[in-house]
Amino acid sequence: MKISFAQNLSDARLMADAVKAHEEELVKDGMPSDTVEVLEGCIKALSDLDTKQEKLKAELKSTTSSLNSRLAELSQVMTSSRQRVKLALPKEQWKEFGITASR
C-alpha cells in the first residue's frame, strides 16, 4: 500500500524526534551524527514545497475558471458573428470567414 504524503511527513517527524531522544545510543551503534539535521532539513524542505504546491493548485483553479469564462464569451461572440455573416453575405463568401456550414 502506498503511503500518503502526510503520513510520510508525520513518520519523518516522529523519527526525527525519536532519534533526537536516543541520539547517543544510536550514534554509538553507527548512525551518522547528523541524521537529525538531515531529517529535519528534508521535513522543512518538503513542507515548504507542499505549501508552494498548494498555492499553485489554487492559482491553477482560478486561472482555469477565468479561461473557461473567456472561452464561453468567445463562443458567444463567434456564434453571433457567424450568424451576422450568414445573413449579410452570400454563401460563396462564407469560406473567407472560416464558415463551412450551409444555411
C-alpha atoms as a PDB file:
ATOM      1  CA  MET A   1       0.000   0.000   0.000  1.00  0.00           C
ATOM      2  CA  LYS A   2       1.298   3.431  -0.933  1.00  0.00           C
ATOM      3  CA  ILE A   3       1.895   5.821   1.971  1.00  0.00           C
ATOM      4  CA  SER A   4       0.396   9.298   1.629  1.00  0.00           C
ATOM      5  CA  PHE A   5       2.489  12.440   1.632  1.00  0.00           C
ATOM      6  CA  ALA A   6       1.039  13.490   5.003  1.00  0.00           C
ATOM      7  CA  GLN A   7       1.822  10.096   6.507  1.00  0.00           C
ATOM      8  CA  ASN A   8       5.396  10.230   5.186  1.00  0.00           C
ATOM      9  CA  LEU A   9       5.873  13.657   6.741  1.00  0.00           C
ATOM     10  CA  SER A  10       4.346  12.537  10.028  1.00  0.00           C
ATOM     11  CA  ASP A  11       6.550   9.426  10.118  1.00  0.00           C
ATOM     12  CA  ALA A  12       9.637  11.535   9.412  1.00  0.00           C
ATOM     13  CA  ARG A  13       8.802  13.961  12.238  1.00  0.00           C
ATOM     14  CA  LEU A  14       8.293  11.047  14.608  1.00  0.00           C
ATOM     15  CA  MET A  15      11.601   9.521  13.515  1.00  0.00           C
ATOM     16  CA  ALA A  16      13.478  12.816  13.972  1.00  0.00           C
ATOM     17  CA  ASP A  17      12.069  13.283  17.474  1.00  0.00           C
ATOM     18  CA  ALA A  18      12.887   9.709  18.475  1.00  0.00           C
ATOM     19  CA  VAL A  19      16.414   9.847  17.029  1.00  0.00           C
ATOM     20  CA  LYS A  20      16.982  13.123  18.866  1.00  0.00           C
ATOM     21  CA  ALA A  21      15.834  11.497  22.120  1.00  0.00           C
ATOM     22  CA  HIS A  22      18.153   8.498  21.675  1.00  0.00           C
ATOM     23  CA  GLU A  23      20.967  10.100  19.706  1.00  0.00           C
ATOM     24  CA  GLU A  24      23.842   8.966  21.941  1.00  0.00           C
ATOM     25  CA  GLU A  25      22.872   5.295  21.767  1.00  0.00           C
ATOM     26  CA  LEU A  26      22.242   5.391  18.027  1.00  0.00           C
ATOM     27  CA  VAL A  27      25.493   7.200  17.183  1.00  0.00           C
ATOM     28  CA  LYS A  28      27.417   4.586  19.201  1.00  0.00           C
ATOM     29  CA  ASP A  29      25.697   1.935  17.093  1.00  0.00           C
ATOM     30  CA  GLY A  30      26.807   3.544  13.828  1.00  0.00           C
ATOM     31  CA  MET A  31      24.099   6.061  12.956  1.00  0.00           C
ATOM     32  CA  PRO A  32      25.607   9.234  11.447  1.00  0.00           C
ATOM     33  CA  SER A  33      25.618  12.083  13.962  1.00  0.00           C
ATOM     34  CA  ASP A  34      23.931  14.456  11.515  1.00  0.00           C
ATOM     35  CA  THR A  35      20.879  12.241  10.969  1.00  0.00           C
ATOM     36  CA  VAL A  36      18.541  14.526  12.931  1.00  0.00           C
ATOM     37  CA  GLU A  37      19.684  17.592  10.975  1.00  0.00           C
ATOM     38  CA  VAL A  38      19.264  15.760   7.674  1.00  0.00           C
ATOM     39  CA  LEU A  39      15.774  14.548   8.641  1.00  0.00           C
ATOM     40  CA  GLU A  40      14.696  17.992   9.832  1.00  0.00           C
ATOM     41  CA  GLY A  41      16.111  19.594   6.671  1.00  0.00           C
ATOM     42  CA  CYS A  42      14.153  17.189   4.479  1.00  0.00           C
ATOM     43  CA  ILE A  43      10.993  17.748   6.511  1.00  0.00           C
ATOM     44  CA  LYS A  44      11.333  21.550   6.246  1.00  0.00           C
ATOM     45  CA  ALA A  45      12.048  21.421   2.503  1.00  0.00           C
ATOM     46  CA  LEU A  46       9.092  19.105   1.856  1.00  0.00           C
ATOM     47  CA  SER A  47       6.790  21.226   3.977  1.00  0.00           C
ATOM     48  CA  ASP A  48       7.834  24.380   2.107  1.00  0.00           C
ATOM     49  CA  LEU A  49       7.371  22.677  -1.262  1.00  0.00           C
ATOM     50  CA  ASP A  50       3.955  21.372  -0.213  1.00  0.00           C
ATOM     51  CA  THR A  51       2.869  24.903   0.716  1.00  0.00           C
ATOM     52  CA  LYS A  52       4.116  26.197  -2.630  1.00  0.00           C
ATOM     53  CA  GLN A  53       2.339  23.384  -4.485  1.00  0.00           C
ATOM     54  CA  GLU A  54      -0.975  24.087  -2.730  1.00  0.00           C
ATOM     55  CA  LYS A  55      -0.679  27.778  -3.621  1.00  0.00           C
ATOM     56  CA  LEU A  56      -0.032  26.863  -7.260  1.00  0.00           C
ATOM     57  CA  LYS A  57      -3.023  24.491  -7.280  1.00  0.00           C
ATOM     58  CA  ALA A  58      -5.271  27.310  -6.056  1.00  0.00           C
ATOM     59  CA  GLU A  59      -3.826  29.620  -8.696  1.00  0.00           C
ATOM     60  CA  LEU A  60      -4.394  26.968 -11.367  1.00  0.00           C
ATOM     61  CA  LYS A  61      -8.055  26.586 -10.379  1.00  0.00           C
ATOM     62  CA  SER A  62      -8.554  30.344 -10.515  1.00  0.00           C
ATOM     63  CA  THR A  63      -6.823  30.615 -13.882  1.00  0.00           C
ATOM     64  CA  THR A  64      -8.813  27.677 -15.275  1.00  0.00           C
ATOM     65  CA  SER A  65     -12.039  29.340 -14.176  1.00  0.00           C
ATOM     66  CA  SER A  66     -11.012  32.578 -15.910  1.00  0.00           C
ATOM     67  CA  LEU A  67     -10.028  30.663 -19.027  1.00  0.00           C
ATOM     68  CA  ASN A  68     -13.376  28.860 -19.151  1.00  0.00           C
ATOM     69  CA  SER A  69     -15.263  32.151 -18.747  1.00  0.00           C
ATOM     70  CA  ARG A  70     -13.323  33.764 -21.583  1.00  0.00           C
ATOM     71  CA  LEU A  71     -13.828  30.682 -23.754  1.00  0.00           C
ATOM     72  CA  ALA A  72     -17.592  30.867 -23.184  1.00  0.00           C
ATOM     73  CA  GLU A  73     -17.507  34.556 -24.104  1.00  0.00           C
ATOM     74  CA  LEU A  74     -15.550  33.766 -27.292  1.00  0.00           C
ATOM     75  CA  SER A  75     -18.036  31.068 -28.216  1.00  0.00           C
ATOM     76  CA  GLN A  76     -20.951  33.511 -27.909  1.00  0.00           C
ATOM     77  CA  VAL A  77     -19.182  36.157 -30.000  1.00  0.00           C
ATOM     78  CA  MET A  78     -18.249  33.600 -32.670  1.00  0.00           C
ATOM     79  CA  THR A  79     -21.820  32.286 -32.861  1.00  0.00           C
ATOM     80  CA  SER A  80     -23.195  35.796 -33.213  1.00  0.00           C
ATOM     81  CA  SER A  81     -20.545  36.703 -35.800  1.00  0.00           C
ATOM     82  CA  ARG A  82     -21.272  33.608 -37.898  1.00  0.00           C
ATOM     83  CA  GLN A  83     -24.978  34.409 -37.871  1.00  0.00           C
ATOM     84  CA  ARG A  84     -24.353  38.014 -38.951  1.00  0.00           C
ATOM     85  CA  VAL A  85     -22.021  36.933 -41.770  1.00  0.00           C
ATOM     86  CA  LYS A  86     -24.529  34.346 -42.982  1.00  0.00           C
ATOM     87  CA  LEU A  87     -27.323  36.930 -43.049  1.00  0.00           C
ATOM     88  CA  ALA A  88     -25.280  39.734 -44.602  1.00  0.00           C
ATOM     89  CA  LEU A  89     -23.196  37.957 -47.235  1.00  0.00           C
ATOM     90  CA  PRO A  90     -23.789  35.386 -49.952  1.00  0.00           C
ATOM     91  CA  LYS A  91     -22.841  31.772 -49.226  1.00  0.00           C
ATOM     92  CA  GLU A  92     -19.887  31.944 -51.626  1.00  0.00           C
ATOM     93  CA  GLN A  93     -18.090  34.406 -49.319  1.00  0.00           C
ATOM     94  CA  TRP A  94     -18.602  32.469 -46.072  1.00  0.00           C
ATOM     95  CA  LYS A  95     -15.431  30.439 -46.564  1.00  0.00           C
ATOM     96  CA  GLU A  96     -13.409  33.668 -46.238  1.00  0.00           C
ATOM     97  CA  PHE A  97     -14.681  33.853 -42.648  1.00  0.00           C
ATOM     98  CA  GLY A  98     -13.939  30.203 -41.918  1.00  0.00           C
ATOM     99  CA  ILE A  99     -17.577  29.186 -42.215  1.00  0.00           C
ATOM    100  CA  THR A 100     -18.058  25.859 -43.946  1.00  0.00           C
ATOM    101  CA  ALA A 101     -21.593  25.032 -42.789  1.00  0.00           C
ATOM    102  CA  SER A 102     -24.584  25.716 -45.010  1.00  0.00           C
ATOM    103  CA  ARG A 103     -27.787  27.572 -44.155  1.00  0.00           C
END
